Structure formats: C-alpha cells, structure tokens
C-alpha cells in the first residue's frame, strides 16, 4: 500500500464483491446472491486489496488527512 492511511474507496461501493452479495440478498431475498453466481471472498484475497492500487483509489487523496498532501504543503510554506 502507499501509506498507513490508505483507504480504498472500492471497498465501500458496489465494486466490492461482498457488498454485491449483501445488496442482492437484501433486494431479492437471502440466498439469491449465490444463485446469481455472486460469492463472498476474504478481503485479503480481493483485487482491491492488491498492492497495484494507487493514490487515486484512496478516499484521502489530496485531503488534509493525506500524508503526501501534508508533505507538499510543508514544502511550499
């Protein structure tokens, strides 16, 4: 990961396979997600937990919470 504050936005949208399962079960009834071919996975096995993620995948990019932004601000000040 880029930093210890990295927070992947994919993990809280319908990009997440587990959220897709929850949404299908909620909308159509429990157990339907499996019938639709959706399956739950462990977060560590998810594509979005991979080290290929970049700062653009982070909720905090460009904010005051971002260590990179903080470093840039102190350089220009």
Protein backbone atom coordinates (compact mmCIF):
# COMPACT_ATOMS: atom_id res chain seq x y z
CA UNK A 1 0.00 0.00 0.00
CA UNK A 2 1.03 3.58 -0.47
CA UNK A 3 0.74 4.54 3.20
CA UNK A 4 -0.79 3.55 6.52
CA UNK A 5 -3.78 5.85 5.96
CA UNK A 6 -4.70 4.31 2.61
CA UNK A 7 -8.45 3.72 2.42
CA UNK A 8 -9.65 2.17 -0.81
CA UNK A 9 -12.96 3.63 -1.97
CA UNK A 10 -13.76 0.41 -3.87
CA UNK A 11 -14.27 -1.30 -0.51
CA UNK A 12 -17.37 0.75 0.30
CA UNK A 13 -19.08 0.74 -3.11
CA UNK A 14 -20.73 -1.94 -5.20
CA UNK A 15 -17.28 -2.70 -6.63
CA UNK A 16 -16.84 -4.89 -3.52
CA UNK A 17 -17.98 -8.49 -4.14
CA UNK A 18 -19.22 -8.82 -0.55
CA UNK A 19 -21.35 -5.68 -0.85
CA UNK A 20 -22.75 -7.05 -4.12
CA UNK A 21 -23.81 -10.20 -2.25
CA UNK A 22 -25.40 -8.19 0.56
CA UNK A 23 -27.25 -5.96 -1.91
CA UNK A 24 -28.62 -8.92 -3.91
CA UNK A 25 -29.73 -10.72 -0.76
CA UNK A 26 -31.39 -7.58 0.57
CA UNK A 27 -33.13 -6.82 -2.70
CA UNK A 28 -34.23 -10.30 -3.74
CA UNK A 29 -34.08 -12.40 -0.58
CA UNK A 30 -31.48 -14.30 1.38
CA UNK A 31 -29.53 -16.87 -0.63
CA UNK A 32 -30.33 -15.37 -4.01
CA UNK A 33 -26.81 -13.93 -4.39
CA UNK A 34 -25.37 -17.44 -4.59
CA UNK A 35 -27.99 -18.41 -7.16
CA UNK A 36 -26.94 -15.36 -9.22
CA UNK A 37 -23.32 -16.55 -9.19
CA UNK A 38 -22.08 -14.00 -6.66
CA UNK A 39 -19.76 -15.21 -3.94
CA UNK A 40 -18.17 -13.76 -0.86
CA UNK A 41 -14.40 -13.55 -0.64
CA UNK A 42 -11.94 -12.68 2.09
CA UNK A 43 -10.85 -9.05 1.90
CA UNK A 44 -7.19 -10.05 1.69
CA UNK A 45 -7.97 -12.01 -1.50
CA UNK A 46 -9.80 -9.14 -3.19
CA UNK A 47 -8.40 -7.39 -6.23
CA UNK A 48 -8.84 -4.04 -4.47
CA UNK A 49 -6.63 -5.09 -1.55
CA UNK A 50 -3.83 -5.70 -4.03
CA UNK A 51 -0.67 -3.59 -3.98
CA UNK A 52 -1.48 -2.39 -7.52
CA UNK A 53 -3.85 0.17 -6.04
CA UNK A 54 -2.64 3.73 -6.30
CA UNK A 55 -3.32 7.01 -4.52
CA UNK A 56 -6.20 7.60 -6.94
CA UNK A 57 -8.01 4.69 -5.23
CA UNK A 58 -7.81 6.36 -1.81
CA UNK A 59 -10.58 8.37 -0.12
CA UNK A 60 -8.00 10.71 1.41
CA UNK A 61 -6.11 11.68 -1.76
CA UNK A 62 -5.49 15.42 -1.78
CA UNK A 63 -7.10 15.99 1.63
CA UNK A 64 -5.55 17.19 4.86
CA UNK A 65 -5.58 13.55 6.03
CA UNK A 66 -3.23 12.56 3.20
CA UNK A 67 0.44 12.37 4.29
CA UNK A 68 1.56 13.20 0.74
CA UNK A 69 -0.53 16.36 0.68
CA UNK A 70 0.78 17.33 4.10
CA UNK A 71 4.37 16.92 2.89
CA UNK A 72 3.67 19.08 -0.17
CA UNK A 73 2.09 21.83 1.93
CA UNK A 74 5.09 22.00 4.28
CA UNK A 75 7.47 22.22 1.29
CA UNK A 76 5.62 25.19 -0.21
CA UNK A 77 5.11 27.04 3.07
